[in-house]
Amino acid sequence: MAIPDFAISAPTPVEVVKPRGLVKSARSVLNLVPDFDVENSDAVSNRAFMGIIALIFGIGLLVLLGINTALTSGAFTMENLKLHLASVNDQRDALLNQVSHYSSPDQLARNAIKLGMAPQGSINFLTLSGPKKP
């Protein structure tokens, strides 16, 4: 099999035309950026960057610790208030039971007899109309 002629021929060189105005402006822009080579490594320090990141991380942890402490103390206060509420409710229930005991009919009758009162034997009616006319 034969190789075609166009595959053997060398490519023709292409001439690149650079506009002169763009080259000067690109160089001036690139000259404004500092060169960060190995020799210029003092300008960019990894230690300073890591120190800033560690400081931000540490402050964040302290803020989270403060929030957690505040929430925990609030939870303890709430638990103490719940226990106090339960105690007050128990006292209220005991007083209501005591009132219901003293207001029962049997207990009222016993206390009336102790005071010298006697039970009513018969029913008497009181008429509030005036005297009868003859």
N, C-alpha and C. Protein backbone atom coordinates (compact mmCIF):
# COMPACT_ATOMS: atom_id res chain seq x y z
N MET A 1 0.83 -1.16 0.00
CA MET A 1 0.00 0.00 0.00
C MET A 1 0.89 1.24 0.00
N ALA A 2 0.52 2.18 -0.77
CA ALA A 2 1.35 3.38 -0.93
C ALA A 2 0.84 4.48 -0.03
N ILE A 3 1.76 5.28 0.48
CA ILE A 3 1.41 6.41 1.34
C ILE A 3 1.14 7.60 0.45
N PRO A 4 0.04 8.30 0.68
CA PRO A 4 -0.27 9.46 -0.17
C PRO A 4 0.76 10.57 0.00
N ASP A 5 0.87 11.40 -1.00
CA ASP A 5 1.88 12.47 -1.00
C ASP A 5 1.57 13.56 0.03
N PHE A 6 0.31 13.81 0.25
CA PHE A 6 -0.02 14.92 1.17
C PHE A 6 0.34 14.57 2.62
N ALA A 7 0.48 13.28 2.98
CA ALA A 7 0.83 12.90 4.33
C ALA A 7 2.32 13.03 4.58
N ILE A 8 3.13 12.99 3.54
CA ILE A 8 4.58 13.04 3.69
C ILE A 8 5.07 14.47 3.73
N SER A 9 4.38 15.37 3.10
CA SER A 9 4.88 16.74 3.01
C SER A 9 4.82 17.42 4.37
N ALA A 10 5.78 18.28 4.62
CA ALA A 10 5.88 19.00 5.89
C ALA A 10 4.87 20.15 5.90
N PRO A 11 4.35 20.47 7.08
CA PRO A 11 3.39 21.57 7.14
C PRO A 11 4.08 22.90 6.86
N THR A 12 3.35 23.77 6.27
CA THR A 12 3.91 25.09 5.95
C THR A 12 3.86 25.96 7.20
N PRO A 13 4.92 26.71 7.50
CA PRO A 13 4.90 27.55 8.69
C PRO A 13 3.90 28.70 8.53
N VAL A 14 3.24 29.02 9.63
CA VAL A 14 2.25 30.08 9.64
C VAL A 14 2.85 31.26 10.39
N GLU A 15 2.75 32.42 9.80
CA GLU A 15 3.30 33.61 10.43
C GLU A 15 2.24 34.24 11.33
N VAL A 16 2.58 34.49 12.59
CA VAL A 16 1.65 35.07 13.55
C VAL A 16 1.92 36.56 13.62
N VAL A 17 0.87 37.33 13.44
CA VAL A 17 0.99 38.79 13.49
C VAL A 17 0.48 39.25 14.83
N LYS A 18 1.33 39.94 15.60
CA LYS A 18 0.95 40.45 16.90
C LYS A 18 0.76 41.96 16.81
N PRO A 19 -0.39 42.44 17.27
CA PRO A 19 -0.55 43.89 17.29
C PRO A 19 0.33 44.49 18.39
N ARG A 20 0.97 45.58 18.08
CA ARG A 20 1.94 46.15 19.00
C ARG A 20 1.27 46.81 20.21
N GLY A 21 0.09 47.36 20.06
CA GLY A 21 -0.57 48.03 21.17
C GLY A 21 -0.99 47.06 22.26
N LEU A 22 -1.45 45.87 21.94
CA LEU A 22 -1.89 44.89 22.92
C LEU A 22 -0.73 44.30 23.70
N VAL A 23 0.39 44.11 23.06
CA VAL A 23 1.54 43.52 23.73
C VAL A 23 2.04 44.44 24.83
N LYS A 24 2.11 45.72 24.57
CA LYS A 24 2.60 46.66 25.57
C LYS A 24 1.63 46.73 26.76
N SER A 25 0.31 46.76 26.48
CA SER A 25 -0.64 46.86 27.59
C SER A 25 -0.67 45.57 28.40
N ALA A 26 -0.50 44.42 27.76
CA ALA A 26 -0.49 43.16 28.50
C ALA A 26 0.73 43.09 29.39
N ARG A 27 1.86 43.56 28.92
CA ARG A 27 3.06 43.54 29.73
C ARG A 27 2.93 44.48 30.93
N SER A 28 2.32 45.61 30.70
CA SER A 28 2.20 46.55 31.82
C SER A 28 1.25 46.02 32.88
N VAL A 29 0.18 45.31 32.48
CA VAL A 29 -0.73 44.71 33.44
C VAL A 29 -0.03 43.59 34.19
N LEU A 30 0.74 42.80 33.50
CA LEU A 30 1.43 41.69 34.13
C LEU A 30 2.55 42.17 35.06
N ASN A 31 3.09 43.32 34.80
CA ASN A 31 4.13 43.85 35.66
C ASN A 31 3.57 44.34 36.99
N LEU A 32 2.26 44.61 37.08
CA LEU A 32 1.65 45.06 38.32
C LEU A 32 1.51 43.93 39.34
N VAL A 33 1.46 42.71 38.88
CA VAL A 33 1.30 41.57 39.77
C VAL A 33 2.67 41.17 40.29
N PRO A 34 2.83 41.03 41.63
CA PRO A 34 4.16 40.66 42.14
C PRO A 34 4.52 39.24 41.75
N ASP A 35 5.78 39.01 41.61
CA ASP A 35 6.28 37.70 41.22
C ASP A 35 6.46 36.86 42.48
N PHE A 36 5.74 35.74 42.54
CA PHE A 36 5.79 34.87 43.72
C PHE A 36 6.69 33.68 43.41
N ASP A 37 7.94 33.93 43.36
CA ASP A 37 8.91 32.86 43.13
C ASP A 37 9.39 32.32 44.46
N VAL A 38 10.27 31.34 44.41
CA VAL A 38 10.84 30.77 45.61
C VAL A 38 11.67 31.83 46.34
N GLU A 39 12.31 32.72 45.58
CA GLU A 39 13.12 33.76 46.21
C GLU A 39 12.24 34.79 46.92
N ASN A 40 10.98 34.97 46.45
CA ASN A 40 10.09 35.97 47.02
C ASN A 40 9.09 35.33 47.99
N SER A 41 9.46 34.21 48.62
CA SER A 41 8.53 33.47 49.47
C SER A 41 8.27 34.17 50.80
N ASP A 42 9.08 35.15 51.18
CA ASP A 42 8.84 35.88 52.43
C ASP A 42 7.57 36.72 52.34
N ALA A 43 7.19 37.15 51.14
CA ALA A 43 6.00 37.99 50.99
C ALA A 43 4.74 37.19 51.26
N VAL A 44 4.72 35.92 50.90
CA VAL A 44 3.56 35.06 51.13
C VAL A 44 3.97 33.99 52.14
N SER A 45 3.40 34.07 53.34
CA SER A 45 3.78 33.14 54.39
C SER A 45 2.65 32.17 54.67
N ASN A 46 2.96 30.91 54.67
CA ASN A 46 1.96 29.90 55.00
C ASN A 46 1.63 29.93 56.48
N ARG A 47 2.59 30.33 57.30
CA ARG A 47 2.35 30.38 58.73
C ARG A 47 1.30 31.43 59.08
N ALA A 48 1.36 32.57 58.43
CA ALA A 48 0.37 33.62 58.71
C ALA A 48 -1.03 33.15 58.31
N PHE A 49 -1.13 32.53 57.15
CA PHE A 49 -2.43 32.02 56.70
C PHE A 49 -2.96 30.96 57.65
N MET A 50 -2.12 30.04 58.05
CA MET A 50 -2.54 28.99 58.96
C MET A 50 -2.90 29.57 60.33
N GLY A 51 -2.17 30.61 60.74
CA GLY A 51 -2.49 31.27 62.01
C GLY A 51 -3.87 31.94 61.96
N ILE A 52 -4.18 32.59 60.86
CA ILE A 52 -5.51 33.22 60.72
C ILE A 52 -6.60 32.17 60.73
N ILE A 53 -6.40 31.08 60.01
CA ILE A 53 -7.39 30.00 59.96
C ILE A 53 -7.57 29.39 61.36
N ALA A 54 -6.46 29.17 62.08
CA ALA A 54 -6.55 28.61 63.44
C ALA A 54 -7.26 29.57 64.38
N LEU A 55 -7.01 30.89 64.23
CA LEU A 55 -7.68 31.89 65.06
C LEU A 55 -9.19 31.89 64.80
N ILE A 56 -9.59 31.84 63.55
CA ILE A 56 -11.02 31.80 63.21
C ILE A 56 -11.65 30.53 63.76
N PHE A 57 -10.97 29.41 63.62
CA PHE A 57 -11.47 28.14 64.13
C PHE A 57 -11.61 28.18 65.66
N GLY A 58 -10.60 28.73 66.34
CA GLY A 58 -10.63 28.82 67.80
C GLY A 58 -11.76 29.72 68.29
N ILE A 59 -11.94 30.86 67.63
CA ILE A 59 -13.04 31.76 68.02
C ILE A 59 -14.38 31.08 67.80
N GLY A 60 -14.52 30.34 66.71
CA GLY A 60 -15.76 29.61 66.45
C GLY A 60 -16.04 28.57 67.52
N LEU A 61 -15.00 27.87 67.95
CA LEU A 61 -15.18 26.87 69.00
C LEU A 61 -15.58 27.51 70.33
N LEU A 62 -14.98 28.66 70.64
CA LEU A 62 -15.34 29.36 71.88
C LEU A 62 -16.78 29.86 71.84
N VAL A 63 -17.22 30.35 70.68
CA VAL A 63 -18.61 30.79 70.55
C VAL A 63 -19.56 29.60 70.73
N LEU A 64 -19.24 28.48 70.12
CA LEU A 64 -20.07 27.28 70.29
C LEU A 64 -20.08 26.80 71.73
N LEU A 65 -18.95 26.90 72.41
CA LEU A 65 -18.89 26.51 73.82
C LEU A 65 -19.77 27.43 74.66
N GLY A 66 -19.74 28.73 74.38
CA GLY A 66 -20.60 29.67 75.11
C GLY A 66 -22.07 29.40 74.89
N ILE A 67 -22.45 29.14 73.64
CA ILE A 67 -23.86 28.84 73.34
C ILE A 67 -24.29 27.55 74.05
N ASN A 68 -23.44 26.54 74.00
CA ASN A 68 -23.77 25.26 74.64
C ASN A 68 -23.90 25.43 76.15
N THR A 69 -23.02 26.22 76.76
CA THR A 69 -23.09 26.45 78.20
C THR A 69 -24.37 27.19 78.57
N ALA A 70 -24.73 28.19 77.78
CA ALA A 70 -25.96 28.94 78.06
C ALA A 70 -27.19 28.05 77.93
N LEU A 71 -27.23 27.21 76.91
CA LEU A 71 -28.36 26.30 76.74
C LEU A 71 -28.44 25.28 77.87
N THR A 72 -27.29 24.79 78.31
CA THR A 72 -27.28 23.81 79.39
C THR A 72 -27.74 24.43 80.70
N SER A 73 -27.28 25.65 81.00
CA SER A 73 -27.73 26.29 82.25
C SER A 73 -29.22 26.59 82.18
N GLY A 74 -29.71 26.95 81.00
CA GLY A 74 -31.15 27.15 80.84
C GLY A 74 -31.93 25.86 81.04
N ALA A 75 -31.36 24.75 80.61
CA ALA A 75 -32.04 23.46 80.79
C ALA A 75 -32.09 23.09 82.27
N PHE A 76 -31.01 23.36 83.03
CA PHE A 76 -31.02 23.08 84.46
C PHE A 76 -32.04 23.96 85.18
N THR A 77 -32.11 25.22 84.80
CA THR A 77 -33.09 26.12 85.41
C THR A 77 -34.50 25.64 85.13
N MET A 78 -34.74 25.21 83.90
CA MET A 78 -36.07 24.72 83.54
C MET A 78 -36.42 23.45 84.32
N GLU A 79 -35.45 22.58 84.51
CA GLU A 79 -35.70 21.35 85.26
C GLU A 79 -36.03 21.67 86.72
N ASN A 80 -35.31 22.63 87.31
CA ASN A 80 -35.60 23.04 88.69
C ASN A 80 -36.99 23.64 88.80
N LEU A 81 -37.38 24.45 87.82
CA LEU A 81 -38.72 25.05 87.84
C LEU A 81 -39.80 23.99 87.68
N LYS A 82 -39.54 22.96 86.88
CA LYS A 82 -40.52 21.88 86.73
C LYS A 82 -40.69 21.12 88.05
N LEU A 83 -39.58 20.88 88.75
CA LEU A 83 -39.67 20.20 90.05
C LEU A 83 -40.44 21.06 91.06
N HIS A 84 -40.19 22.36 91.07
CA HIS A 84 -40.91 23.26 91.97
C HIS A 84 -42.40 23.28 91.62
N LEU A 85 -42.73 23.29 90.34
CA LEU A 85 -44.13 23.27 89.91
C LEU A 85 -44.82 21.98 90.37
N ALA A 86 -44.13 20.86 90.26
CA ALA A 86 -44.70 19.59 90.71
C ALA A 86 -44.95 19.62 92.22
N SER A 87 -44.03 20.20 92.98
CA SER A 87 -44.21 20.31 94.43
C SER A 87 -45.42 21.19 94.78
N VAL A 88 -45.54 22.32 94.09
CA VAL A 88 -46.68 23.21 94.34
C VAL A 88 -47.99 22.53 93.96
N ASN A 89 -47.99 21.79 92.87
CA ASN A 89 -49.21 21.06 92.47
C ASN A 89 -49.59 20.00 93.51
N ASP A 90 -48.58 19.33 94.08
CA ASP A 90 -48.86 18.34 95.13
C ASP A 90 -49.47 19.01 96.36
N GLN A 91 -48.92 20.16 96.75
CA GLN A 91 -49.49 20.90 97.89
C GLN A 91 -50.92 21.34 97.62
N ARG A 92 -51.18 21.80 96.40
CA ARG A 92 -52.52 22.22 96.01
C ARG A 92 -53.50 21.05 96.10
N ASP A 93 -53.08 19.89 95.59
CA ASP A 93 -53.94 18.70 95.64
C ASP A 93 -54.23 18.28 97.08
N ALA A 94 -53.21 18.38 97.95
CA ALA A 94 -53.41 18.01 99.36
C ALA A 94 -54.41 18.97 100.02
N LEU A 95 -54.30 20.26 99.72
CA LEU A 95 -55.25 21.23 100.30
C LEU A 95 -56.67 21.02 99.76
N LEU A 96 -56.80 20.70 98.48
CA LEU A 96 -58.13 20.43 97.92
C LEU A 96 -58.75 19.18 98.55
N ASN A 97 -57.93 18.16 98.80
CA ASN A 97 -58.44 16.95 99.47
C ASN A 97 -58.88 17.26 100.90
N GLN A 98 -58.12 18.12 101.58
CA GLN A 98 -58.48 18.49 102.95
C GLN A 98 -59.79 19.30 102.96
N VAL A 99 -59.95 20.21 102.02
CA VAL A 99 -61.20 20.99 101.93
C VAL A 99 -62.38 20.08 101.62
N SER A 100 -62.21 19.14 100.70
CA SER A 100 -63.32 18.23 100.37
C SER A 100 -63.65 17.33 101.57
N HIS A 101 -62.66 16.95 102.37
CA HIS A 101 -62.91 16.14 103.56
C HIS A 101 -63.73 16.94 104.59
N TYR A 102 -63.32 18.20 104.84
CA TYR A 102 -64.04 19.01 105.83
C TYR A 102 -65.41 19.46 105.35
N SER A 103 -65.64 19.48 104.06
CA SER A 103 -66.95 19.93 103.56
C SER A 103 -67.90 18.77 103.27
N SER A 104 -67.51 17.54 103.62
CA SER A 104 -68.42 16.41 103.43
C SER A 104 -69.57 16.51 104.45
N PRO A 105 -70.77 15.99 104.14
CA PRO A 105 -71.92 16.11 105.04
C PRO A 105 -71.69 15.47 106.41
N ASP A 106 -71.04 14.33 106.47
CA ASP A 106 -70.79 13.67 107.76
C ASP A 106 -69.89 14.53 108.65
N GLN A 107 -68.85 15.07 108.09
CA GLN A 107 -67.93 15.89 108.87
C GLN A 107 -68.61 17.19 109.32
N LEU A 108 -69.43 17.77 108.46
CA LEU A 108 -70.16 18.99 108.85
C LEU A 108 -71.12 18.69 110.00
N ALA A 109 -71.78 17.55 109.97
CA ALA A 109 -72.72 17.17 111.04
C ALA A 109 -71.97 16.97 112.36
N ARG A 110 -70.81 16.29 112.34
CA ARG A 110 -70.02 16.09 113.55
C ARG A 110 -69.56 17.42 114.14
N ASN A 111 -69.10 18.32 113.29
CA ASN A 111 -68.64 19.62 113.78
C ASN A 111 -69.80 20.45 114.34
N ALA A 112 -70.99 20.33 113.75
CA ALA A 112 -72.16 21.05 114.26
C ALA A 112 -72.57 20.52 115.64
N ILE A 113 -72.54 19.21 115.82
CA ILE A 113 -72.88 18.62 117.12
C ILE A 113 -71.86 19.07 118.17
N LYS A 114 -70.57 19.16 117.82
CA LYS A 114 -69.55 19.63 118.76
C LYS A 114 -69.81 21.08 119.18
N LEU A 115 -70.38 21.84 118.29
CA LEU A 115 -70.68 23.25 118.61
C LEU A 115 -71.99 23.40 119.39
N GLY A 116 -72.71 22.31 119.61
CA GLY A 116 -73.94 22.36 120.39
C GLY A 116 -75.20 22.46 119.54
N MET A 117 -75.11 22.26 118.30
CA MET A 117 -76.29 22.29 117.44
C MET A 117 -76.93 20.91 117.45
N ALA A 118 -78.26 20.89 117.23
CA ALA A 118 -78.99 19.62 117.20
C ALA A 118 -79.63 19.46 115.84
N PRO A 119 -79.79 18.24 115.41
CA PRO A 119 -80.43 18.03 114.11
C PRO A 119 -81.92 18.37 114.19
N GLN A 120 -82.49 18.78 113.10
CA GLN A 120 -83.91 19.14 113.00
C GLN A 120 -84.73 17.85 113.02
N GLY A 121 -85.69 17.72 113.92
CA GLY A 121 -86.52 16.52 114.02
C GLY A 121 -87.66 16.55 113.03
N SER A 122 -88.37 17.64 112.97
CA SER A 122 -89.51 17.72 112.05
C SER A 122 -89.36 18.97 111.20
N ILE A 123 -90.12 19.00 110.14
CA ILE A 123 -90.05 20.12 109.22
C ILE A 123 -91.07 21.18 109.66
N ASN A 124 -90.64 22.35 109.87
CA ASN A 124 -91.52 23.47 110.21
C ASN A 124 -91.52 24.43 109.04
N PHE A 125 -92.71 24.99 108.77
CA PHE A 125 -92.83 25.97 107.70
C PHE A 125 -93.05 27.34 108.32
N LEU A 126 -92.50 28.32 107.76
CA LEU A 126 -92.63 29.69 108.22
C LEU A 126 -93.44 30.44 107.19
N THR A 127 -94.52 31.02 107.63
CA THR A 127 -95.35 31.80 106.71
C THR A 127 -95.05 33.26 106.93
N LEU A 128 -94.81 33.94 105.92
CA LEU A 128 -94.44 35.35 106.01
C LEU A 128 -95.62 36.28 105.69
N SER A 129 -96.76 35.73 105.45
CA SER A 129 -97.92 36.60 105.19
C SER A 129 -98.39 37.22 106.51
N GLY A 130 -99.12 38.28 106.41
CA GLY A 130 -99.59 39.01 107.59
C GLY A 130 -100.61 38.22 108.40
N PRO A 131 -101.10 38.81 109.50
CA PRO A 131 -102.09 38.10 110.34
C PRO A 131 -103.37 37.84 109.57
N LYS A 132 -104.05 36.76 109.93
CA LYS A 132 -105.29 36.40 109.27
C LYS A 132 -106.40 37.34 109.72
N LYS A 133 -107.26 37.73 108.84
CA LYS A 133 -108.37 38.62 109.16
C LYS A 133 -109.57 37.76 109.53
N PRO A 134 -110.28 38.12 110.62
CA PRO A 134 -111.46 37.29 111.06
C PRO A 134 -112.69 37.51 110.24
